C-alpha atoms as a PDB file:
ATOM      1  CA  MET A   1     -19.261   9.604  16.674  1.00  0.00           C
ATOM      2  CA  SER A   2     -22.593   8.938  18.405  1.00  0.00           C
ATOM      3  CA  LYS A   3     -25.654   7.861  16.455  1.00  0.00           C
ATOM      4  CA  ALA A   4     -27.685  10.661  18.047  1.00  0.00           C
ATOM      5  CA  LEU A   5     -25.235  13.298  16.878  1.00  0.00           C
ATOM      6  CA  GLU A   6     -25.150  11.895  13.356  1.00  0.00           C
ATOM      7  CA  ARG A   7     -28.949  11.945  13.191  1.00  0.00           C
ATOM      8  CA  ALA A   8     -28.931  15.556  14.363  1.00  0.00           C
ATOM      9  CA  TRP A   9     -26.406  16.468  11.672  1.00  0.00           C
ATOM     10  CA  GLN A  10     -28.647  14.933   9.016  1.00  0.00           C
ATOM     11  CA  LYS A  11     -32.071  16.032  10.237  1.00  0.00           C
ATOM     12  CA  GLY A  12     -31.228  19.135  12.231  1.00  0.00           C
ATOM     13  CA  HIS A  13     -31.865  19.900  15.886  1.00  0.00           C
ATOM     14  CA  PRO A  14     -32.101  23.245  17.723  1.00  0.00           C
ATOM     15  CA  ALA A  15     -29.644  22.032  20.371  1.00  0.00           C
ATOM     16  CA  LEU A  16     -26.867  22.064  17.774  1.00  0.00           C
ATOM     17  CA  TRP A  17     -26.761  25.855  18.038  1.00  0.00           C
ATOM     18  CA  LEU A  18     -25.305  25.421  21.523  1.00  0.00           C
ATOM     19  CA  LEU A  19     -22.183  24.223  19.709  1.00  0.00           C
ATOM     20  CA  ALA A  20     -21.941  27.356  17.551  1.00  0.00           C
ATOM     21  CA  PRO A  21     -19.056  28.896  19.575  1.00  0.00           C
ATOM     22  CA  LEU A  22     -17.007  25.726  19.142  1.00  0.00           C
ATOM     23  CA  THR A  23     -17.786  25.660  15.437  1.00  0.00           C
ATOM     24  CA  ALA A  24     -16.652  29.265  15.115  1.00  0.00           C
ATOM     25  CA  LEU A  25     -13.393  28.386  16.880  1.00  0.00           C
ATOM     26  CA  PHE A  26     -12.889  25.339  14.637  1.00  0.00           C
ATOM     27  CA  ALA A  27     -13.488  27.474  11.534  1.00  0.00           C
ATOM     28  CA  LEU A  28     -11.023  30.105  12.750  1.00  0.00           C
ATOM     29  CA  VAL A  29      -8.231  27.662  13.576  1.00  0.00           C
ATOM     30  CA  SER A  30      -8.625  25.459  10.473  1.00  0.00           C
ATOM     31  CA  GLY A  31      -9.034  28.470   8.178  1.00  0.00           C
ATOM     32  CA  LEU A  32      -5.941  30.154   9.610  1.00  0.00           C
ATOM     33  CA  ARG A  33      -3.940  26.979   9.151  1.00  0.00           C
ATOM     34  CA  ARG A  34      -4.950  26.662   5.474  1.00  0.00           C
ATOM     35  CA  TRP A  35      -4.124  30.333   4.906  1.00  0.00           C
ATOM     36  CA  LEU A  36      -0.670  29.918   6.433  1.00  0.00           C
ATOM     37  CA  PHE A  37       0.068  27.022   4.073  1.00  0.00           C
ATOM     38  CA  ARG A  38      -1.203  28.981   1.052  1.00  0.00           C
ATOM     39  CA  ARG A  39       0.984  31.951   2.018  1.00  0.00           C
ATOM     40  CA  GLY A  40       3.996  29.709   2.455  1.00  0.00           C
ATOM     41  CA  TRP A  41       4.456  30.524   6.134  1.00  0.00           C
ATOM     42  CA  LEU A  42       3.826  26.864   6.842  1.00  0.00           C
ATOM     43  CA  THR A  43       5.615  24.588   4.404  1.00  0.00           C
ATOM     44  CA  SER A  44       4.176  21.716   2.399  1.00  0.00           C
ATOM     45  CA  ILE A  45       6.888  19.142   1.852  1.00  0.00           C
ATOM     46  CA  ARG A  46       7.299  17.372  -1.480  1.00  0.00           C
ATOM     47  CA  VAL A  47       8.610  13.839  -1.270  1.00  0.00           C
ATOM     48  CA  GLY A  48      10.450  12.074  -4.059  1.00  0.00           C
ATOM     49  CA  VAL A  49       7.444  10.514  -5.817  1.00  0.00           C
ATOM     50  CA  PRO A  50       3.941  11.635  -6.827  1.00  0.00           C
ATOM     51  CA  VAL A  51       1.323  11.583  -4.041  1.00  0.00           C
ATOM     52  CA  VAL A  52      -2.387  11.005  -4.633  1.00  0.00           C
ATOM     53  CA  VAL A  53      -4.523  11.957  -1.632  1.00  0.00           C
ATOM     54  CA  VAL A  54      -7.879  10.220  -1.214  1.00  0.00           C
ATOM     55  CA  GLY A  55     -10.003  12.016   1.358  1.00  0.00           C
ATOM     56  CA  ASN A  56     -13.222  13.822   2.111  1.00  0.00           C
ATOM     57  CA  ILE A  57     -14.531  16.998   3.686  1.00  0.00           C
ATOM     58  CA  SER A  58     -16.903  15.269   6.125  1.00  0.00           C
ATOM     59  CA  VAL A  59     -16.499  12.791   8.940  1.00  0.00           C
ATOM     60  CA  GLY A  60     -17.809   9.254   8.798  1.00  0.00           C
ATOM     61  CA  GLY A  61     -17.456   6.487   6.259  1.00  0.00           C
ATOM     62  CA  ASN A  62     -17.673   7.783   2.707  1.00  0.00           C
ATOM     63  CA  GLY A  63     -15.906   4.988   0.838  1.00  0.00           C
ATOM     64  CA  LYS A  64     -12.257   6.038   0.970  1.00  0.00           C
ATOM     65  CA  THR A  65     -10.868   2.532   1.505  1.00  0.00           C
ATOM     66  CA  PRO A  66     -12.464   0.945  -1.599  1.00  0.00           C
ATOM     67  CA  THR A  67     -11.386   4.018  -3.555  1.00  0.00           C
ATOM     68  CA  VAL A  68      -7.770   3.561  -2.471  1.00  0.00           C
ATOM     69  CA  ILE A  69      -7.881  -0.109  -3.426  1.00  0.00           C
ATOM     70  CA  TYR A  70      -9.372   0.751  -6.818  1.00  0.00           C
ATOM     71  CA  LEU A  71      -6.678   3.335  -7.545  1.00  0.00           C
ATOM     72  CA  VAL A  72      -3.936   0.911  -6.539  1.00  0.00           C
ATOM     73  CA  GLU A  73      -5.194  -1.653  -9.037  1.00  0.00           C
ATOM     74  CA  LEU A  74      -5.610   1.014 -11.730  1.00  0.00           C
ATOM     75  CA  LEU A  75      -2.051   2.242 -11.213  1.00  0.00           C
ATOM     76  CA  LYS A  76      -0.634  -1.279 -11.259  1.00  0.00           C
ATOM     77  CA  ARG A  77      -2.337  -1.966 -14.585  1.00  0.00           C
ATOM     78  CA  ALA A  78      -0.817   1.264 -15.914  1.00  0.00           C
ATOM     79  CA  GLY A  79       2.690   0.096 -15.000  1.00  0.00           C
ATOM     80  CA  TYR A  80       3.225   2.030 -11.748  1.00  0.00           C
ATOM     81  CA  ARG A  81       4.504   0.615  -8.465  1.00  0.00           C
ATOM     82  CA  PRO A  82       2.124   2.139  -5.901  1.00  0.00           C
ATOM     83  CA  GLY A  83       2.327   2.139  -2.129  1.00  0.00           C
ATOM     84  CA  ILE A  84      -0.200   3.226   0.500  1.00  0.00           C
ATOM     85  CA  ILE A  85       0.292   5.515   3.492  1.00  0.00           C
ATOM     86  CA  SER A  86      -2.252   5.954   6.268  1.00  0.00           C
ATOM     87  CA  ARG A  87      -2.683   7.398   9.743  1.00  0.00           C
ATOM     88  CA  GLY A  88      -3.339   3.920  11.139  1.00  0.00           C
ATOM     89  CA  TYR A  89      -6.263   5.069  13.252  1.00  0.00           C
ATOM     90  CA  GLY A  90      -7.213   2.605  15.978  1.00  0.00           C
ATOM     91  CA  GLY A  91      -3.860   0.811  15.982  1.00  0.00           C
ATOM     92  CA  GLN A  92      -1.012   0.879  18.481  1.00  0.00           C
ATOM     93  CA  ALA A  93       2.195   0.029  16.627  1.00  0.00           C
ATOM     94  CA  PRO A  94       5.497  -0.630  18.441  1.00  0.00           C
ATOM     95  CA  HIS A  95       7.075   2.263  16.489  1.00  0.00           C
ATOM     96  CA  TYR A  96       6.349   4.728  13.701  1.00  0.00           C
ATOM     97  CA  PRO A  97       6.590   4.782  10.751  1.00  0.00           C
ATOM     98  CA  PHE A  98       5.286   1.227  10.856  1.00  0.00           C
ATOM     99  CA  ARG A  99       5.269  -1.171   7.909  1.00  0.00           C
ATOM    100  CA  VAL A 100       2.046  -3.148   7.480  1.00  0.00           C
ATOM    101  CA  THR A 101       1.870  -6.586   5.864  1.00  0.00           C
ATOM    102  CA  ALA A 102      -0.972  -9.007   5.231  1.00  0.00           C
ATOM    103  CA  ASP A 103      -0.097 -10.692   8.527  1.00  0.00           C
ATOM    104  CA  THR A 104       0.033  -7.553  10.686  1.00  0.00           C
ATOM    105  CA  PRO A 105      -2.526  -7.612  13.534  1.00  0.00           C
ATOM    106  CA  PRO A 106      -5.106  -4.824  13.086  1.00  0.00           C
ATOM    107  CA  SER A 107      -4.512  -3.930  16.738  1.00  0.00           C
ATOM    108  CA  GLN A 108      -1.104  -2.633  15.617  1.00  0.00           C
ATOM    109  CA  SER A 109      -1.877  -1.166  12.192  1.00  0.00           C
ATOM    110  CA  GLY A 110      -5.534  -0.211  12.432  1.00  0.00           C
ATOM    111  CA  ASP A 111      -8.283  -2.054  10.588  1.00  0.00           C
ATOM    112  CA  GLU A 112      -8.223  -0.173   7.282  1.00  0.00           C
ATOM    113  CA  PRO A 113      -4.447  -0.465   6.657  1.00  0.00           C
ATOM    114  CA  ALA A 114      -4.639  -4.180   7.471  1.00  0.00           C
ATOM    115  CA  LEU A 115      -7.486  -4.606   4.994  1.00  0.00           C
ATOM    116  CA  MET A 116      -5.657  -2.668   2.274  1.00  0.00           C
ATOM    117  CA  ALA A 117      -2.453  -4.646   2.774  1.00  0.00           C
ATOM    118  CA  GLN A 118      -4.374  -7.912   2.462  1.00  0.00           C
ATOM    119  CA  ARG A 119      -6.413  -6.852  -0.584  1.00  0.00           C
ATOM    120  CA  THR A 120      -3.687  -5.126  -2.626  1.00  0.00           C
ATOM    121  CA  GLY A 121      -0.381  -6.781  -1.721  1.00  0.00           C
ATOM    122  CA  VAL A 122       1.422  -3.451  -2.169  1.00  0.00           C
ATOM    123  CA  PRO A 123       3.672  -1.784   0.436  1.00  0.00           C
ATOM    124  CA  VAL A 124       1.652  -0.119   3.214  1.00  0.00           C
ATOM    125  CA  ALA A 125       2.947   2.035   6.067  1.00  0.00           C
ATOM    126  CA  VAL A 126       1.232   3.989   8.847  1.00  0.00           C
ATOM    127  CA  GLY A 127       1.993   6.860  11.190  1.00  0.00           C
ATOM    128  CA  ALA A 128       0.792  10.309  12.216  1.00  0.00           C
ATOM    129  CA  ASP A 129       3.697  12.049  10.437  1.00  0.00           C
ATOM    130  CA  ARG A 130       2.688  11.347   6.859  1.00  0.00           C
ATOM    131  CA  VAL A 131       5.851  12.885   5.461  1.00  0.00           C
ATOM    132  CA  ALA A 132       7.986  10.460   7.485  1.00  0.00           C
ATOM    133  CA  VAL A 133       5.702   7.564   6.570  1.00  0.00           C
ATOM    134  CA  ALA A 134       5.927   8.453   2.874  1.00  0.00           C
ATOM    135  CA  GLN A 135       9.705   8.715   3.055  1.00  0.00           C
ATOM    136  CA  SER A 136       9.961   5.295   4.693  1.00  0.00           C
ATOM    137  CA  LEU A 137       8.276   3.664   1.691  1.00  0.00           C
ATOM    138  CA  ILE A 138      10.282   5.714  -0.800  1.00  0.00           C
ATOM    139  CA  ASP A 139      13.520   4.689   0.922  1.00  0.00           C
ATOM    140  CA  SER A 140      12.547   1.037   0.523  1.00  0.00           C
ATOM    141  CA  GLY A 141      12.859   1.413  -3.264  1.00  0.00           C
ATOM    142  CA  GLU A 142       9.596  -0.499  -3.774  1.00  0.00           C
ATOM    143  CA  VAL A 143       7.328   2.341  -4.878  1.00  0.00           C
ATOM    144  CA  ASP A 144       7.247   5.066  -7.500  1.00  0.00           C
ATOM    145  CA  ILE A 145       3.899   6.613  -6.489  1.00  0.00           C
ATOM    146  CA  LEU A 146       2.021   6.900  -3.186  1.00  0.00           C
ATOM    147  CA  ILE A 147      -1.673   6.931  -2.337  1.00  0.00           C
ATOM    148  CA  SER A 148      -2.558   8.602   0.949  1.00  0.00           C
ATOM    149  CA  ASP A 149      -5.581   7.066   2.645  1.00  0.00           C
ATOM    150  CA  ASP A 150      -7.290  10.174   4.031  1.00  0.00           C
ATOM    151  CA  GLY A 151      -5.037  13.135   4.769  1.00  0.00           C
ATOM    152  CA  MET A 152      -6.796  15.752   2.638  1.00  0.00           C
ATOM    153  CA  GLN A 153      -6.452  18.137   5.580  1.00  0.00           C
ATOM    154  CA  HIS A 154      -2.828  17.088   6.256  1.00  0.00           C
ATOM    155  CA  TYR A 155      -1.394  19.994   4.271  1.00  0.00           C
ATOM    156  CA  ARG A 156       2.163  19.407   5.398  1.00  0.00           C
ATOM    157  CA  LEU A 157       2.394  16.626   2.816  1.00  0.00           C
ATOM    158  CA  ALA A 158       2.340  18.120  -0.667  1.00  0.00           C
ATOM    159  CA  ARG A 159       0.138  16.255  -3.099  1.00  0.00           C
ATOM    160  CA  THR A 160       0.101  15.731  -6.839  1.00  0.00           C
ATOM    161  CA  LEU A 161      -3.616  14.920  -7.150  1.00  0.00           C
ATOM    162  CA  GLU A 162      -6.586  14.984  -4.789  1.00  0.00           C
ATOM    163  CA  VAL A 163      -9.571  12.643  -5.005  1.00  0.00           C
ATOM    164  CA  ALA A 164     -12.519  13.610  -2.782  1.00  0.00           C
ATOM    165  CA  VAL A 165     -15.059  10.909  -1.888  1.00  0.00           C
ATOM    166  CA  ILE A 166     -18.631  12.047  -1.223  1.00  0.00           C
ATOM    167  CA  ASP A 167     -21.415  10.027   0.378  1.00  0.00           C
ATOM    168  CA  GLY A 168     -24.099  10.373  -2.274  1.00  0.00           C
ATOM    169  CA  VAL A 169     -26.917   9.762   0.196  1.00  0.00           C
ATOM    170  CA  ARG A 170     -25.872  11.797   3.233  1.00  0.00           C
ATOM    171  CA  ARG A 171     -23.963  14.402   1.184  1.00  0.00           C
ATOM    172  CA  PHE A 172     -22.889  17.181   3.593  1.00  0.00           C
ATOM    173  CA  GLY A 173     -25.543  16.825   6.282  1.00  0.00           C
ATOM    174  CA  ASN A 174     -26.731  20.179   7.608  1.00  0.00           C
ATOM    175  CA  GLY A 175     -23.855  21.992   5.903  1.00  0.00           C
ATOM    176  CA  HIS A 176     -22.174  23.134   9.125  1.00  0.00           C
ATOM    177  CA  LEU A 177     -18.582  22.645  10.178  1.00  0.00           C
ATOM    178  CA  LEU A 178     -17.673  20.513  13.188  1.00  0.00           C
ATOM    179  CA  PRO A 179     -19.077  20.119  15.787  1.00  0.00           C
ATOM    180  CA  MET A 180     -22.401  21.688  14.678  1.00  0.00           C
ATOM    181  CA  GLY A 181     -22.255  19.573  11.538  1.00  0.00           C
ATOM    182  CA  PRO A 182     -20.194  16.809   9.922  1.00  0.00           C
ATOM    183  CA  LEU A 183     -17.907  19.012   7.798  1.00  0.00           C
ATOM    184  CA  ARG A 184     -14.163  19.300   8.226  1.00  0.00           C
ATOM    185  CA  GLU A 185     -14.065  21.926   5.483  1.00  0.00           C
ATOM    186  CA  SER A 186     -16.599  23.889   3.455  1.00  0.00           C
ATOM    187  CA  PRO A 187     -18.054  22.271   0.304  1.00  0.00           C
ATOM    188  CA  SER A 188     -16.259  25.008  -1.656  1.00  0.00           C
ATOM    189  CA  ARG A 189     -13.063  23.061  -0.882  1.00  0.00           C
ATOM    190  CA  LEU A 190     -14.130  20.500  -3.488  1.00  0.00           C
ATOM    191  CA  GLN A 191     -13.506  23.043  -6.240  1.00  0.00           C
ATOM    192  CA  ARG A 192      -9.778  22.707  -5.559  1.00  0.00           C
ATOM    193  CA  CYS A 193      -9.826  18.906  -5.778  1.00  0.00           C
ATOM    194  CA  ASP A 194      -8.855  17.202  -9.009  1.00  0.00           C
ATOM    195  CA  PHE A 195     -11.651  14.627  -8.784  1.00  0.00           C
ATOM    196  CA  SER A 196     -14.871  14.292  -6.806  1.00  0.00           C
ATOM    197  CA  VAL A 197     -16.495  10.865  -6.753  1.00  0.00           C
ATOM    198  CA  CYS A 198     -20.016  10.202  -5.522  1.00  0.00           C
ATOM    199  CA  ASN A 199     -20.523   6.955  -3.616  1.00  0.00           C
ATOM    200  CA  GLY A 200     -24.156   6.005  -4.202  1.00  0.00           C
ATOM    201  CA  GLY A 201     -27.034   8.388  -4.696  1.00  0.00           C
ATOM    202  CA  GLU A 202     -27.263  10.784  -7.633  1.00  0.00           C
ATOM    203  CA  PRO A 203     -23.983  12.427  -8.679  1.00  0.00           C
ATOM    204  CA  LYS A 204     -23.987  16.191  -9.045  1.00  0.00           C
ATOM    205  CA  PRO A 205     -22.493  17.871 -12.132  1.00  0.00           C
ATOM    206  CA  GLY A 206     -18.745  17.346 -12.205  1.00  0.00           C
ATOM    207  CA  GLU A 207     -18.841  14.278  -9.931  1.00  0.00           C
ATOM    208  CA  TYR A 208     -17.883  10.797 -11.085  1.00  0.00           C
ATOM    209  CA  PRO A 209     -20.304   8.032 -10.053  1.00  0.00           C
ATOM    210  CA  MET A 210     -18.838   5.377  -7.775  1.00  0.00           C
ATOM    211  CA  THR A 211     -20.502   2.000  -7.330  1.00  0.00           C
ATOM    212  CA  LEU A 212     -19.657  -0.730  -4.845  1.00  0.00           C
ATOM    213  CA  THR A 213     -20.280  -4.211  -6.200  1.00  0.00           C
ATOM    214  CA  PRO A 214     -20.519  -7.124  -3.733  1.00  0.00           C
ATOM    215  CA  ASP A 215     -18.121  -9.984  -4.374  1.00  0.00           C
ATOM    216  CA  ALA A 216     -18.455 -13.601  -3.245  1.00  0.00           C
ATOM    217  CA  TRP A 217     -19.092 -14.290   0.433  1.00  0.00           C
ATOM    218  CA  GLN A 218     -16.054 -15.420   2.416  1.00  0.00           C
ATOM    219  CA  ARG A 219     -15.652 -17.137   5.755  1.00  0.00           C
ATOM    220  CA  VAL A 220     -14.143 -14.886   8.394  1.00  0.00           C
ATOM    221  CA  ASP A 221     -11.869 -17.667   9.649  1.00  0.00           C
ATOM    222  CA  GLY A 222     -10.059 -17.629   6.293  1.00  0.00           C
ATOM    223  CA  GLN A 223     -11.357 -20.993   5.069  1.00  0.00           C
ATOM    224  CA  GLY A 224     -12.439 -19.695   1.701  1.00  0.00           C
ATOM    225  CA  GLU A 225     -15.571 -18.828  -0.199  1.00  0.00           C
ATOM    226  CA  GLN A 226     -18.895 -19.828   1.317  1.00  0.00           C
ATOM    227  CA  ALA A 227     -22.327 -18.225   1.449  1.00  0.00           C
ATOM    228  CA  PRO A 228     -24.059 -17.821   4.828  1.00  0.00           C
ATOM    229  CA  ASP A 229     -27.085 -19.873   5.785  1.00  0.00           C
ATOM    230  CA  ALA A 230     -30.300 -18.414   7.148  1.00  0.00           C
ATOM    231  CA  PRO A 231     -31.199 -17.304   9.728  1.00  0.00           C
ATOM    232  CA  MET A 232     -28.503 -14.639   9.942  1.00  0.00           C
ATOM    233  CA  VAL A 233     -27.575 -11.673  12.102  1.00  0.00           C
ATOM    234  CA  ALA A 234     -25.773  -8.671  10.581  1.00  0.00           C
ATOM    235  CA  MET A 235     -23.216  -6.383  12.202  1.00  0.00           C
ATOM    236  CA  ALA A 236     -21.125  -3.471  10.968  1.00  0.00           C
ATOM    237  CA  GLY A 237     -18.538  -1.251  12.640  1.00  0.00           C
ATOM    238  CA  ILE A 238     -18.002   1.269   9.858  1.00  0.00           C
ATOM    239  CA  GLY A 239     -18.588   4.979   9.464  1.00  0.00           C
ATOM    240  CA  HIS A 240     -22.173   4.458   8.278  1.00  0.00           C
ATOM    241  CA  PRO A 241     -23.444   0.940   9.202  1.00  0.00           C
ATOM    242  CA  PRO A 242     -26.835   1.327   7.438  1.00  0.00           C
ATOM    243  CA  ARG A 243     -25.005   1.235   4.095  1.00  0.00           C
ATOM    244  CA  PHE A 244     -24.006  -2.394   4.754  1.00  0.00           C
ATOM    245  CA  PHE A 245     -27.483  -3.332   5.949  1.00  0.00           C
ATOM    246  CA  ASP A 246     -28.995  -1.741   2.819  1.00  0.00           C
ATOM    247  CA  THR A 247     -26.587  -3.793   0.698  1.00  0.00           C
ATOM    248  CA  LEU A 248     -27.854  -6.983   2.331  1.00  0.00           C
ATOM    249  CA  ASN A 249     -31.450  -5.976   1.680  1.00  0.00           C
ATOM    250  CA  GLY A 250     -30.537  -5.252  -1.935  1.00  0.00           C
ATOM    251  CA  LEU A 251     -29.208  -8.794  -2.241  1.00  0.00           C
ATOM    252  CA  GLY A 252     -32.550 -10.145  -1.057  1.00  0.00           C
ATOM    253  CA  LEU A 253     -31.233 -11.166   2.346  1.00  0.00           C
ATOM    254  CA  ALA A 254     -33.247 -10.565   5.498  1.00  0.00           C
ATOM    255  CA  PRO A 255     -31.156 -10.578   8.694  1.00  0.00           C
ATOM    256  CA  ILE A 256     -33.246 -11.167  11.806  1.00  0.00           C
ATOM    257  CA  ALA A 257     -31.245  -8.423  13.549  1.00  0.00           C
ATOM    258  CA  CYS A 258     -28.799  -5.673  12.559  1.00  0.00           C
ATOM    259  CA  HIS A 259     -26.216  -4.329  15.013  1.00  0.00           C
ATOM    260  CA  GLY A 260     -24.262  -1.135  14.313  1.00  0.00           C
ATOM    261  CA  PHE A 261     -20.974  -0.521  16.118  1.00  0.00           C
ATOM    262  CA  ALA A 262     -18.684   2.476  16.252  1.00  0.00           C
ATOM    263  CA  ASP A 263     -16.225   2.966  13.417  1.00  0.00           C
ATOM    264  CA  HIS A 264     -12.902   1.201  14.125  1.00  0.00           C
ATOM    265  CA  GLN A 265     -14.550  -0.728  16.966  1.00  0.00           C
ATOM    266  CA  ALA A 266     -12.225  -3.188  18.735  1.00  0.00           C
ATOM    267  CA  TYR A 267     -14.169  -6.420  19.122  1.00  0.00           C
ATOM    268  CA  GLN A 268     -14.122  -9.073  21.816  1.00  0.00           C
ATOM    269  CA  ALA A 269     -15.060 -12.649  21.011  1.00  0.00           C
ATOM    270  CA  ASP A 270     -17.716 -12.894  23.712  1.00  0.00           C
ATOM    271  CA  THR A 271     -19.419  -9.709  22.530  1.00  0.00           C
ATOM    272  CA  LEU A 272     -19.905 -11.025  19.022  1.00  0.00           C
ATOM    273  CA  LYS A 273     -20.810 -14.551  20.082  1.00  0.00           C
ATOM    274  CA  ALA A 274     -23.614 -13.054  22.153  1.00  0.00           C
ATOM    275  CA  LEU A 275     -25.172 -11.634  18.987  1.00  0.00           C
ATOM    276  CA  THR A 276     -26.071 -15.158  17.798  1.00  0.00           C
ATOM    277  CA  PRO A 277     -27.324 -16.991  20.907  1.00  0.00           C
ATOM    278  CA  ASN A 278     -29.060 -19.670  18.842  1.00  0.00           C
ATOM    279  CA  GLY A 279     -26.205 -20.371  16.443  1.00  0.00           C
ATOM    280  CA  GLU A 280     -27.346 -18.061  13.647  1.00  0.00           C
ATOM    281  CA  SER A 281     -24.907 -17.081  10.919  1.00  0.00           C
ATOM    282  CA  LEU A 282     -23.114 -13.798  11.623  1.00  0.00           C
ATOM    283  CA  VAL A 283     -22.432 -11.581   8.608  1.00  0.00           C
ATOM    284  CA  MET A 284     -20.188  -8.517   8.564  1.00  0.00           C
ATOM    285  CA  THR A 285     -18.085  -6.214   6.399  1.00  0.00           C
ATOM    286  CA  GLU A 286     -14.557  -7.015   5.301  1.00  0.00           C
ATOM    287  CA  LYS A 287     -13.305  -4.201   7.529  1.00  0.00           C
ATOM    288  CA  ASP A 288     -14.868  -5.941  10.525  1.00  0.00           C
ATOM    289  CA  ALA A 289     -13.609  -9.348   9.451  1.00  0.00           C
ATOM    290  CA  VAL A 290      -9.915  -8.417   9.601  1.00  0.00           C
ATOM    291  CA  LYS A 291     -10.337  -7.815  13.351  1.00  0.00           C
ATOM    292  CA  CYS A 292     -12.276 -11.024  14.020  1.00  0.00           C
ATOM    293  CA  ARG A 293     -10.290 -13.665  12.145  1.00  0.00           C
ATOM    294  CA  THR A 294      -8.365 -15.007  15.138  1.00  0.00           C
ATOM    295  CA  PHE A 295     -11.504 -15.885  17.115  1.00  0.00           C
ATOM    296  CA  ALA A 296     -14.075 -16.367  14.343  1.00  0.00           C
ATOM    297  CA  ARG A 297     -16.572 -19.195  14.386  1.00  0.00           C
ATOM    298  CA  SER A 298     -17.073 -21.327  11.299  1.00  0.00           C
ATOM    299  CA  ASN A 299     -20.464 -19.707  10.556  1.00  0.00           C
ATOM    300  CA  TRP A 300     -19.192 -16.120  10.482  1.00  0.00           C
ATOM    301  CA  TYR A 301     -19.002 -14.549   7.022  1.00  0.00           C
ATOM    302  CA  TYR A 302     -17.990 -11.299   5.408  1.00  0.00           C
ATOM    303  CA  LEU A 303     -18.925  -9.610   2.144  1.00  0.00           C
ATOM    304  CA  PRO A 304     -16.076  -7.998   0.185  1.00  0.00           C
ATOM    305  CA  VAL A 305     -16.991  -5.151  -2.154  1.00  0.00           C
ATOM    306  CA  THR A 306     -15.188  -3.781  -5.189  1.00  0.00           C
ATOM    307  CA  ALA A 307     -15.420  -0.158  -6.308  1.00  0.00           C
ATOM    308  CA  SER A 308     -15.802   0.908  -9.920  1.00  0.00           C
ATOM    309  CA  PHE A 309     -15.789   4.362 -11.473  1.00  0.00           C
ATOM    310  CA  GLY A 310     -16.025   3.698 -15.196  1.00  0.00           C
ATOM    311  CA  ARG A 311     -13.670   4.103 -18.110  1.00  0.00           C
ATOM    312  CA  ASP A 312     -14.077   7.893 -18.264  1.00  0.00           C
ATOM    313  CA  PHE A 313     -12.655   8.257 -14.765  1.00  0.00           C
ATOM    314  CA  ASP A 314      -9.773   5.888 -15.477  1.00  0.00           C
ATOM    315  CA  THR A 315      -8.788   7.727 -18.645  1.00  0.00           C
ATOM    316  CA  GLU A 316      -9.002  11.179 -17.097  1.00  0.00           C
ATOM    317  CA  PHE A 317      -7.195  10.156 -13.898  1.00  0.00           C
ATOM    318  CA  LEU A 318      -4.240   8.672 -15.766  1.00  0.00           C
ATOM    319  CA  ARG A 319      -4.140  11.623 -18.176  1.00  0.00           C
ATOM    320  CA  LYS A 320      -4.109  14.158 -15.372  1.00  0.00           C
ATOM    321  CA  LEU A 321      -1.480  12.156 -13.496  1.00  0.00           C
ATOM    322  CA  ARG A 322       0.798  12.133 -16.559  1.00  0.00           C
ATOM    323  CA  GLU A 323       0.327  15.864 -16.991  1.00  0.00           C
ATOM    324  CA  SER A 324       1.190  16.463 -13.343  1.00  0.00           C
ATOM    325  CA  LEU A 325       4.325  14.356 -13.655  1.00  0.00           C
ATOM    326  CA  ASP A 326       5.427  16.365 -16.697  1.00  0.00           C
ATOM    327  CA  GLU A 327       5.162  19.522 -14.614  1.00  0.00           C
ATOM    328  CA  LEU A 328       7.290  18.189 -11.735  1.00  0.00           C
END
């Protein structure tokens, strides 16, 4: 997604109307597909365990990965044995479904599955056929509940609960469907979700507030906790890089330069080394760090973040999950 297009989606631009025919086609095809699933002419497949889908209705980084990690930890505390399934975007695995471990190269699994495997320690598998990926983890006997990273629009996989993540600052842009706007589905789709969480900004009625709290700085090369020295240069290859740069400003840090890269960017060592020609510290997100560990310099650092939703969300999520299980 280009920066120019994202700005147009947020601020509006007359040229977007040139894309209206494509938006109409997208709305027709996606709407027909949803209707076919609702009518039962296309079948949603139930696997042998509950499935919680974490997704959104807009493109770009909304905070799905920290939400998945949070739910995994919540479920573990409640006595469940969760696993994670994902598309594995940006990775090229030798086969699918593909099992991801903490040692799996992100070039095979994709950056987000690698991060989630490292942070949670639970079984993770990737592949385009989410039903097959889910079944591969179920067959392992290691899980009794699955969390789908993204996949809200993957209606072939039946779900027990849906958690929609909303960017509280960007919200829904200009309100148009792709490609005129950032929406995969209309905001009315949120009414059918079990939970809507608002990442930053001011939550609307019915939304649960989500906050991302920075943890201790870590060295990218895996040598433990260490804070970066000034001067520093910041980089981020996530769905919305300014969010990371705003976090640094909120911590009172002042990078001398900020470089935004495309989401799921594959990095080369020389490209990143060129960002700090005078030996400055290089700071990045955890999602970036998993792709840079093998060639990281000793003065490269990343900032992990932890999501929180509050006790009300935890109580209601577990209650609704138990109710759903009773109905199965």
